[in-house]
Structure formats: structure tokens, C-alpha cells
Amino acid sequence: MKLSAQDLRELNLFKYYRLVRKWACKTYDLKDADLELLVYLDCKSRFTRNNFIDGSYTYSWDKNRWERLRKNGWIEVWRHRNRTTIKYSIYKTSFKCSQLISRIYRILLGEEDLPTSERNVFYNNKSYTDKVFNKAIDDMIKDKDR
């Protein structure tokens, strides 16, 4: 079955996308571009360093992005190169990354709520922005049409 634009509209899939993205980035210490690139790479399943570079073209330049995502466990090697028959390494998004992306999908589909416990990064109420996001999260949870 193929989804149409009307199907996505009726699902209200992107209604709270910005809020969920901001929550994920702040909770997991990611940049917006990093998260969106990880979603792109997760859809590819397996990828090379060149696929990563191709996927990065639409984002702001960050020469440290590749190493930061690998060092922090978002990208891992699926198959190492061996310099004879395998000319380049193949990578995949890590289990941690796949779990985060699946959780984002569940939240967007209304199957799961954003956490509202004291451990939630916005519930520290340190800034005006945190208070605004808390209000938005509360409104999202109360929304019966999501």
C-alpha cells in the first residue's frame, strides 16, 4: 500500500515534528543536522563514507560531524575494508541510533508521549525556552487528534 500526501495529512505526522526533533537533539546532545542526517542514513541501511558525504551536502558544513557521530556511537562499522578484495568499509547506524529514530516515529504517530519526568531536559525550567517547550509538550500530550 502506498501512502499519499492526504494520508500523511490525516495522520498529522508532521504536526509536532519540530518539538520532537528539538527534544531528541537536546536529550541526546545532537545537532539538528546530525539527527536529520542520521534519519537519512538509517533509511539507507548500509552506507559508505561517500554516501555520508553525499547525504551531508544539504546541511551546513561540519568537518567534524563524521568523527563525532562515530565516536559517540551513532554510526558503526558493519564491514571493515581489507585493502585487497574489499576496497572500502561499509557502515550502518548503531542500535542506539535505530532505537532513537524508532522512538521519534512512535512519538510522531502518537503511539508514545514525550517524557515529562524531571529527567526530561526541558523540565529543568532553566530558561524561557525550556518553559515554552514544556508548555508545547503538555499541549501535545493533551492533543487527542495526533
C-alpha atoms as a PDB file:
ATOM      1  CA  MET A   1       0.000   0.000   0.000  1.00  0.00           C
ATOM      2  CA  LYS A   2       1.347   3.394  -0.967  1.00  0.00           C
ATOM      3  CA  LEU A   3       0.807   6.432   1.245  1.00  0.00           C
ATOM      4  CA  SER A   4      -0.457   9.631  -0.303  1.00  0.00           C
ATOM      5  CA  ALA A   5       0.000  13.231   0.797  1.00  0.00           C
ATOM      6  CA  GLN A   6      -3.569  13.165   2.112  1.00  0.00           C
ATOM      7  CA  ASP A   7      -2.792  10.068   4.208  1.00  0.00           C
ATOM      8  CA  LEU A   8       0.154  11.865   5.835  1.00  0.00           C
ATOM      9  CA  ARG A   9      -2.011  14.928   6.469  1.00  0.00           C
ATOM     10  CA  GLU A  10      -4.705  12.814   8.125  1.00  0.00           C
ATOM     11  CA  LEU A  11      -2.084  11.118  10.298  1.00  0.00           C
ATOM     12  CA  ASN A  12      -0.927  14.563  11.486  1.00  0.00           C
ATOM     13  CA  LEU A  13       2.547  13.084  11.143  1.00  0.00           C
ATOM     14  CA  PHE A  14       4.456  16.362  10.995  1.00  0.00           C
ATOM     15  CA  LYS A  15       2.239  18.318  13.376  1.00  0.00           C
ATOM     16  CA  TYR A  16       4.755  18.090  16.211  1.00  0.00           C
ATOM     17  CA  TYR A  17       7.903  17.300  14.218  1.00  0.00           C
ATOM     18  CA  ARG A  18       9.793  20.424  15.322  1.00  0.00           C
ATOM     19  CA  LEU A  19       9.038  19.822  19.003  1.00  0.00           C
ATOM     20  CA  VAL A  20      10.051  16.148  18.819  1.00  0.00           C
ATOM     21  CA  ARG A  21      13.218  16.990  16.880  1.00  0.00           C
ATOM     22  CA  LYS A  22      14.215  19.652  19.434  1.00  0.00           C
ATOM     23  CA  TRP A  23      13.567  17.217  22.285  1.00  0.00           C
ATOM     24  CA  ALA A  24      15.675  14.481  20.646  1.00  0.00           C
ATOM     25  CA  CYS A  25      18.539  16.852  19.853  1.00  0.00           C
ATOM     26  CA  LYS A  26      18.676  18.326  23.326  1.00  0.00           C
ATOM     27  CA  THR A  27      18.236  14.974  25.094  1.00  0.00           C
ATOM     28  CA  TYR A  28      20.882  13.132  23.062  1.00  0.00           C
ATOM     29  CA  ASP A  29      23.255  16.066  22.521  1.00  0.00           C
ATOM     30  CA  LEU A  30      22.857  16.120  18.734  1.00  0.00           C
ATOM     31  CA  LYS A  31      22.653  18.989  16.292  1.00  0.00           C
ATOM     32  CA  ASP A  32      19.526  19.286  14.126  1.00  0.00           C
ATOM     33  CA  ALA A  33      21.550  18.480  11.003  1.00  0.00           C
ATOM     34  CA  ASP A  34      23.124  15.451  12.711  1.00  0.00           C
ATOM     35  CA  LEU A  35      19.730  13.992  13.598  1.00  0.00           C
ATOM     36  CA  GLU A  36      18.284  14.537  10.129  1.00  0.00           C
ATOM     37  CA  LEU A  37      21.380  13.033   8.533  1.00  0.00           C
ATOM     38  CA  LEU A  38      21.120  10.002  10.831  1.00  0.00           C
ATOM     39  CA  VAL A  39      17.486   9.525   9.736  1.00  0.00           C
ATOM     40  CA  TYR A  40      18.657   9.638   6.101  1.00  0.00           C
ATOM     41  CA  LEU A  41      21.452   7.122   6.765  1.00  0.00           C
ATOM     42  CA  ASP A  42      19.141   4.840   8.759  1.00  0.00           C
ATOM     43  CA  CYS A  43      16.857   4.673   5.706  1.00  0.00           C
ATOM     44  CA  LYS A  44      19.844   3.579   3.576  1.00  0.00           C
ATOM     45  CA  SER A  45      20.552   0.697   5.987  1.00  0.00           C
ATOM     46  CA  ARG A  46      24.204   0.256   4.922  1.00  0.00           C
ATOM     47  CA  PHE A  47      26.348   3.044   3.539  1.00  0.00           C
ATOM     48  CA  THR A  48      29.869   4.130   2.693  1.00  0.00           C
ATOM     49  CA  ARG A  49      31.769   7.232   3.708  1.00  0.00           C
ATOM     50  CA  ASN A  50      30.916   8.668   0.257  1.00  0.00           C
ATOM     51  CA  ASN A  51      27.187   8.075   0.897  1.00  0.00           C
ATOM     52  CA  PHE A  52      27.613  10.021   4.125  1.00  0.00           C
ATOM     53  CA  ILE A  53      29.299  12.876   2.242  1.00  0.00           C
ATOM     54  CA  ASP A  54      26.547  12.856  -0.406  1.00  0.00           C
ATOM     55  CA  GLY A  55      23.889  12.997   2.320  1.00  0.00           C
ATOM     56  CA  SER A  56      25.709  15.892   4.003  1.00  0.00           C
ATOM     57  CA  TYR A  57      25.536  18.266   1.035  1.00  0.00           C
ATOM     58  CA  THR A  58      22.254  19.857   2.093  1.00  0.00           C
ATOM     59  CA  TYR A  59      23.453  20.603   5.634  1.00  0.00           C
ATOM     60  CA  SER A  60      25.800  23.218   6.979  1.00  0.00           C
ATOM     61  CA  TRP A  61      29.448  22.248   6.674  1.00  0.00           C
ATOM     62  CA  ASP A  62      30.817  20.484   9.730  1.00  0.00           C
ATOM     63  CA  LYS A  63      34.113  18.739   9.093  1.00  0.00           C
ATOM     64  CA  ASN A  64      33.983  17.008  12.482  1.00  0.00           C
ATOM     65  CA  ARG A  65      30.493  15.513  12.007  1.00  0.00           C
ATOM     66  CA  TRP A  66      31.662  12.086  10.787  1.00  0.00           C
ATOM     67  CA  GLU A  67      34.118  11.504  13.636  1.00  0.00           C
ATOM     68  CA  ARG A  68      31.749  12.953  16.254  1.00  0.00           C
ATOM     69  CA  LEU A  69      28.902  10.637  15.187  1.00  0.00           C
ATOM     70  CA  ARG A  70      31.237   7.617  15.117  1.00  0.00           C
ATOM     71  CA  LYS A  71      32.914   8.470  18.429  1.00  0.00           C
ATOM     72  CA  ASN A  72      29.548   8.986  20.147  1.00  0.00           C
ATOM     73  CA  GLY A  73      28.239   5.640  18.918  1.00  0.00           C
ATOM     74  CA  TRP A  74      25.671   6.766  16.334  1.00  0.00           C
ATOM     75  CA  ILE A  75      27.492   5.166  13.375  1.00  0.00           C
ATOM     76  CA  GLU A  76      29.399   1.889  13.471  1.00  0.00           C
ATOM     77  CA  VAL A  77      31.362  -0.247  11.044  1.00  0.00           C
ATOM     78  CA  TRP A  78      29.366  -3.071   9.503  1.00  0.00           C
ATOM     79  CA  ARG A  79      32.238  -4.461   7.413  1.00  0.00           C
ATOM     80  CA  HIS A  80      35.876  -3.374   7.527  1.00  0.00           C
ATOM     81  CA  ARG A  81      37.918  -2.938   4.375  1.00  0.00           C
ATOM     82  CA  ASN A  82      40.806  -5.340   3.883  1.00  0.00           C
ATOM     83  CA  ARG A  83      42.850  -3.436   1.274  1.00  0.00           C
ATOM     84  CA  THR A  84      42.711  -6.314  -1.244  1.00  0.00           C
ATOM     85  CA  THR A  85      39.212  -7.504  -2.107  1.00  0.00           C
ATOM     86  CA  ILE A  86      37.173  -5.021  -0.066  1.00  0.00           C
ATOM     87  CA  LYS A  87      38.285  -1.528  -1.049  1.00  0.00           C
ATOM     88  CA  TYR A  88      36.237   0.477   1.483  1.00  0.00           C
ATOM     89  CA  SER A  89      34.459  -0.011   4.791  1.00  0.00           C
ATOM     90  CA  ILE A  90      30.689  -0.310   4.977  1.00  0.00           C
ATOM     91  CA  TYR A  91      28.876   1.418   7.845  1.00  0.00           C
ATOM     92  CA  LYS A  92      25.453   1.305   9.441  1.00  0.00           C
ATOM     93  CA  THR A  93      23.619   3.290  12.063  1.00  0.00           C
ATOM     94  CA  SER A  94      24.073   1.789  15.517  1.00  0.00           C
ATOM     95  CA  PHE A  95      21.420   0.069  17.603  1.00  0.00           C
ATOM     96  CA  LYS A  96      21.266   3.218  19.767  1.00  0.00           C
ATOM     97  CA  CYS A  97      20.584   5.328  16.674  1.00  0.00           C
ATOM     98  CA  SER A  98      17.922   2.954  15.310  1.00  0.00           C
ATOM     99  CA  GLN A  99      16.189   2.926  18.693  1.00  0.00           C
ATOM    100  CA  LEU A 100      16.130   6.735  18.836  1.00  0.00           C
ATOM    101  CA  ILE A 101      14.727   7.032  15.315  1.00  0.00           C
ATOM    102  CA  SER A 102      12.082   4.380  16.032  1.00  0.00           C
ATOM    103  CA  ARG A 103      11.122   6.257  19.192  1.00  0.00           C
ATOM    104  CA  ILE A 104      10.800   9.504  17.227  1.00  0.00           C
ATOM    105  CA  TYR A 105       8.485   7.733  14.754  1.00  0.00           C
ATOM    106  CA  ARG A 106       6.370   6.323  17.605  1.00  0.00           C
ATOM    107  CA  ILE A 107       6.070   9.770  19.190  1.00  0.00           C
ATOM    108  CA  LEU A 108       5.134  11.382  15.863  1.00  0.00           C
ATOM    109  CA  LEU A 109       2.492   8.691  15.291  1.00  0.00           C
ATOM    110  CA  GLY A 110       1.064   9.268  18.786  1.00  0.00           C
ATOM    111  CA  GLU A 111       1.950   5.757  19.987  1.00  0.00           C
ATOM    112  CA  GLU A 112       4.218   7.182  22.691  1.00  0.00           C
ATOM    113  CA  ASP A 113       4.344  10.502  24.555  1.00  0.00           C
ATOM    114  CA  LEU A 114       7.355  12.683  25.083  1.00  0.00           C
ATOM    115  CA  PRO A 115       8.664  12.103  28.609  1.00  0.00           C
ATOM    116  CA  THR A 116       7.512  14.617  31.209  1.00  0.00           C
ATOM    117  CA  SER A 117       9.524  13.411  34.171  1.00  0.00           C
ATOM    118  CA  GLU A 118      12.087  15.510  35.982  1.00  0.00           C
ATOM    119  CA  ARG A 119      14.798  13.805  33.901  1.00  0.00           C
ATOM    120  CA  ASN A 120      13.381  15.392  30.735  1.00  0.00           C
ATOM    121  CA  VAL A 121      15.851  18.021  29.534  1.00  0.00           C
ATOM    122  CA  PHE A 122      13.168  20.708  29.205  1.00  0.00           C
ATOM    123  CA  TYR A 123      11.674  20.145  32.631  1.00  0.00           C
ATOM    124  CA  ASN A 124      14.598  21.802  34.351  1.00  0.00           C
ATOM    125  CA  ASN A 125      12.902  25.136  33.571  1.00  0.00           C
ATOM    126  CA  LYS A 126      16.235  26.889  33.439  1.00  0.00           C
ATOM    127  CA  SER A 127      15.314  29.232  30.608  1.00  0.00           C
ATOM    128  CA  TYR A 128      12.322  30.798  28.962  1.00  0.00           C
ATOM    129  CA  THR A 129      12.781  28.421  26.022  1.00  0.00           C
ATOM    130  CA  ASP A 130      12.549  25.407  28.352  1.00  0.00           C
ATOM    131  CA  LYS A 131       9.278  26.729  29.775  1.00  0.00           C
ATOM    132  CA  VAL A 132       7.883  27.276  26.272  1.00  0.00           C
ATOM    133  CA  PHE A 133       8.865  23.754  25.241  1.00  0.00           C
ATOM    134  CA  ASN A 134       7.297  22.319  28.425  1.00  0.00           C
ATOM    135  CA  LYS A 135       4.019  24.064  27.566  1.00  0.00           C
ATOM    136  CA  ALA A 136       4.227  22.745  23.993  1.00  0.00           C
ATOM    137  CA  ILE A 137       4.903  19.192  25.260  1.00  0.00           C
ATOM    138  CA  ASP A 138       1.920  19.411  27.621  1.00  0.00           C
ATOM    139  CA  ASP A 139      -0.285  20.656  24.761  1.00  0.00           C
ATOM    140  CA  MET A 140       0.974  17.850  22.512  1.00  0.00           C
ATOM    141  CA  ILE A 141       0.184  15.191  25.121  1.00  0.00           C
ATOM    142  CA  LYS A 142      -3.329  16.603  25.617  1.00  0.00           C
ATOM    143  CA  ASP A 143      -3.985  16.733  21.859  1.00  0.00           C
ATOM    144  CA  LYS A 144      -6.387  13.875  21.080  1.00  0.00           C
ATOM    145  CA  ASP A 145      -6.017  14.357  17.293  1.00  0.00           C
ATOM    146  CA  ARG A 146      -2.358  13.463  16.966  1.00  0.00           C
END
